[in-house]
């Protein structure tokens, strides 16, 4: 038999053996007690019944029905002389074309800024948008409405929507008036209190503001704390920033840490569309209280969880994902270090996604195990998985957009644009490799991923051009006498910063 054939058969045998061994590992792998005995994590964490799936690759799995989870290791093969660093990417999708057995029981709190800056069309359009959201709710859903300035006012107490109640709610919304300054935290706290009065439903706050927080909690860490408390209570917060003078860092932090969305609405006439979309997505919810548990295999070290809040208990990483409406996609990305001192199969992690399945009316679970091969030489190691590469690049692109915002706001316009251009060049190079190596089934996804990032960078660089910040010519004033405003102080500059922040959050979602 030819040596090449012997080597091929030997490699295949080793791979099949490693898969067999790994498949015998209990869900979540093993933990090692102080005495050195390896025991199944099923002895520590109750074993769950997964929906049937067949895992054919050590470095990838797909499982689920109402929610589908795909897990991937960044490098299916790592060399012994590497540093052992790789990624774990988990992508969760809600099934398209399915509906809950009964409409998801919705509990919505509308929290609306009524400070003085909301005067004119803003407050009128906010009122119209709130009414549009109420009209999208189904009979039996629950709604409350809170307004805030330096204090809060409960405009609509917890109310079950019905034919008569719907008009009473809308009439109360029409009566919203203006107040003083802005206490965003006051409104959030009151909204959460009202949601807690009706447990057992899909909870959502829609928060609208056009200004900075100048009363109550005022810093990003403080708002992250509020958002994490909301998330712990099963509440996601959708934040809507209106015009260009709100604090995009605060609004994005609230959305990110509560598993919500963030919208930048430059023109307040667009508010109704956003409110309606959010209310409609609530009524199409197919899963709630979703949370991923990642049990790291013995010896695997967590380096970083990207872009999401998480809890840790020993080797277990818990990442809440909240609710899913039809076609929603959410990702989790971890960077880990894997033992690489010996060749062969190496377990990386066991993954379990738990959620309330509103299609079947039962609790749902799906997941799988991930591992990789440690190979002797760098020439045998894998490049970064193309799908994982796209997700890693998204996190880096989001970080650059926010870094460029900071430079621009400090008046370093040229440096901000250089930072964006450098990132674009790097992204194009990574995209060429990823798209060339992408599996056929995911080639379209990888292509769209990189194109979306390049579009975000191109828009940011174009919007940071200094000439956009020049004031329009004034009759009778020589052009040389018209002192240009600092780019970051213009409406165009502020708008660019808000758009970058919103896109950065979407990229990292």
Foldseek 3Di string as FASTA:
>chain_A
DDPVVVVVVVVVVQQVVQVVVVVPAPFWGWDADPVGDTDHCCVVPPDDDADDFDDDAQAWGWGDDQKIKIWGKFWQEAALPDQQKTKIKIKIWGAAPFFFPAFFQEEEEEEEEQAPVCPDVNLVLVLVLVLLLLVLDDQQHWYWYWYDALAIDTLGATDGDDDVVSVVSSVSSVPDHHDHHHAQVRSLVVRLVRSVVDPDGQAEYEYEDAAAHPHDDHDQVVLLVSLLVCLVRLYAYEYEYEAQHYDLSNNLSSRQANLHAYYYHNDSNCSNVVSNVVSNQSRQWFWFFKKKKKQFYPPKAWDDKFSFDWDDDVRIIIGTNGIGGHGDMAMIMTMIGFNQNDWGKGWTIRMKIWIQGSRVRHIHIHTGTHIHTHHHDPVPIGHTALVVLLLVLLRVLLVLLLVLLVCLLVLNLVVSLVSLVVSLVVLVVSLVVSLVPHDPVCNVVSVVSSVLSNVLSVLLNVLSPVVVQADDDDPPDDPVRRDGDRLCPGSSNSVSSSVSSSSSSVSND
